Amino acid sequence: MAMQPDVLRYKKDFDRLYRKGRKAADKYMIVFAVPNGLAYRRKAFLASKKVGGAVFRNRARRLLKESYRLLASEIKDGMDVLFVARASITEAKCPDVMASMKKTLGKSGLLR
């Protein structure tokens, strides 16, 4: 399986996001973003144990990934973006998460 260049994998990238990134939050997620100096976006989706067991965490990540997929064309390039699920996401449906993501990306100035 080939490595995807648009997925954040390394600790140094996450540390940079937490340290220097712009942070915006909404009901279902927290978004960290920092310019990456590349021609494309890199992203990561995170759900900690605060969200729940493995089933809940996987669902949270799936909801975040699907919302991102639907909004990807509206997001600026050249950014590293980290989406962190909040515990409240477990009761959410996909349209709710998508609206929350759009609002949060707008707050952090990532929409075109």
Protein backbone atom coordinates (compact mmCIF):
# COMPACT_ATOMS: atom_id res chain seq x y z
CA MET A 1 0.00 0.00 0.00
CA ALA A 2 1.45 3.38 -1.04
CA MET A 3 1.90 6.16 1.50
CA GLN A 4 -0.52 9.05 1.12
CA PRO A 5 1.44 12.33 1.04
CA ASP A 6 -1.60 14.32 2.19
CA VAL A 7 -1.94 12.56 5.58
CA LEU A 8 -0.09 13.84 8.66
CA ARG A 9 1.87 11.03 10.28
CA TYR A 10 4.86 12.36 12.20
CA LYS A 11 5.09 13.63 15.76
CA LYS A 12 7.01 16.75 14.67
CA ASP A 13 4.06 17.77 12.46
CA PHE A 14 1.55 17.28 15.27
CA ASP A 15 3.79 19.18 17.71
CA ARG A 16 4.01 22.08 15.25
CA LEU A 17 0.22 22.12 14.87
CA TYR A 18 -0.34 22.21 18.63
CA ARG A 19 2.41 24.80 19.19
CA LYS A 20 1.95 27.23 16.29
CA GLY A 21 -1.43 26.33 14.82
CA ARG A 22 -4.55 28.48 14.76
CA LYS A 23 -7.21 26.83 16.90
CA ALA A 24 -10.96 26.99 16.36
CA ALA A 25 -13.60 24.96 18.16
CA ASP A 26 -17.26 24.10 17.77
CA LYS A 27 -19.74 21.67 19.33
CA TYR A 28 -18.34 18.53 17.70
CA MET A 29 -14.68 19.26 16.97
CA ILE A 30 -11.55 21.33 17.45
CA VAL A 31 -9.53 22.32 14.38
CA PHE A 32 -5.82 23.18 14.42
CA ALA A 33 -4.31 24.68 11.25
CA VAL A 34 -0.87 25.92 10.26
CA PRO A 35 0.65 26.79 6.84
CA ASN A 36 2.87 23.97 5.55
CA GLY A 37 4.71 25.61 2.63
CA LEU A 38 3.50 22.93 0.23
CA ALA A 39 1.17 23.16 -2.78
CA TYR A 40 -1.35 20.81 -1.14
CA ARG A 41 -3.19 20.29 2.15
CA ARG A 42 -2.27 17.67 4.69
CA LYS A 43 -4.80 16.46 7.23
CA ALA A 44 -5.28 14.21 10.23
CA PHE A 45 -8.35 13.05 12.16
CA LEU A 46 -8.08 12.32 15.85
CA ALA A 47 -10.52 10.87 18.39
CA SER A 48 -9.17 10.33 21.90
CA LYS A 49 -10.48 7.90 24.49
CA LYS A 50 -12.61 10.77 25.86
CA VAL A 51 -14.89 10.12 22.87
CA GLY A 52 -15.52 6.54 24.02
CA GLY A 53 -14.54 3.00 23.14
CA ALA A 54 -13.11 1.88 19.80
CA VAL A 55 -16.49 1.74 18.07
CA PHE A 56 -17.29 5.35 19.02
CA ARG A 57 -13.81 6.61 18.15
CA ASN A 58 -13.91 4.91 14.73
CA ARG A 59 -17.35 6.36 14.03
CA ALA A 60 -16.15 9.82 15.08
CA ARG A 61 -13.19 9.59 12.68
CA ARG A 62 -15.46 8.33 9.88
CA LEU A 63 -17.84 11.27 10.40
CA LEU A 64 -14.92 13.72 10.33
CA LYS A 65 -13.40 12.12 7.21
CA GLU A 66 -16.70 12.12 5.30
CA SER A 67 -17.43 15.75 6.21
CA TYR A 68 -13.91 16.68 5.12
CA ARG A 69 -14.34 14.80 1.84
CA LEU A 70 -17.52 16.74 1.06
CA LEU A 71 -15.95 20.10 1.96
CA ALA A 72 -12.43 19.51 0.55
CA SER A 73 -12.94 21.63 -2.58
CA GLU A 74 -13.76 24.67 -0.41
CA ILE A 75 -10.64 24.43 1.80
CA LYS A 76 -7.48 26.43 1.07
CA ASP A 77 -4.36 24.57 -0.08
CA GLY A 78 -0.95 24.79 1.59
CA MET A 79 -2.18 24.05 5.11
CA ASP A 80 -1.76 21.29 7.67
CA VAL A 81 -5.12 20.67 9.35
CA LEU A 82 -5.86 18.54 12.39
CA PHE A 83 -9.46 17.68 13.27
CA VAL A 84 -9.96 16.54 16.88
CA ALA A 85 -13.33 14.97 17.73
CA ARG A 86 -15.10 16.03 20.90
CA ALA A 87 -17.13 13.60 23.03
CA SER A 88 -20.41 15.21 21.87
CA ILE A 89 -19.81 13.85 18.33
CA THR A 90 -21.11 10.42 19.37
CA GLU A 91 -24.75 11.63 19.16
CA ALA A 92 -24.23 13.55 15.89
CA LYS A 93 -25.37 12.70 12.38
CA CYS A 94 -23.24 13.42 9.32
CA PRO A 95 -25.05 16.66 8.26
CA ASP A 96 -24.57 18.05 11.80
CA VAL A 97 -20.84 17.26 11.75
CA MET A 98 -20.50 18.75 8.26
CA ALA A 99 -22.20 22.00 9.35
CA SER A 100 -19.97 22.13 12.42
CA MET A 101 -16.85 21.55 10.29
CA LYS A 102 -17.83 24.27 7.82
CA LYS A 103 -18.43 26.70 10.69
CA THR A 104 -15.13 25.82 12.37
CA LEU A 105 -13.13 26.06 9.13
CA GLY A 106 -14.74 29.45 8.51
CA LYS A 107 -13.74 30.64 12.00
CA SER A 108 -10.11 29.66 11.36
CA GLY A 109 -10.06 31.31 7.91
CA LEU A 110 -9.48 28.10 5.97
CA LEU A 111 -12.37 28.37 3.52
CA ARG A 112 -11.77 29.83 0.05
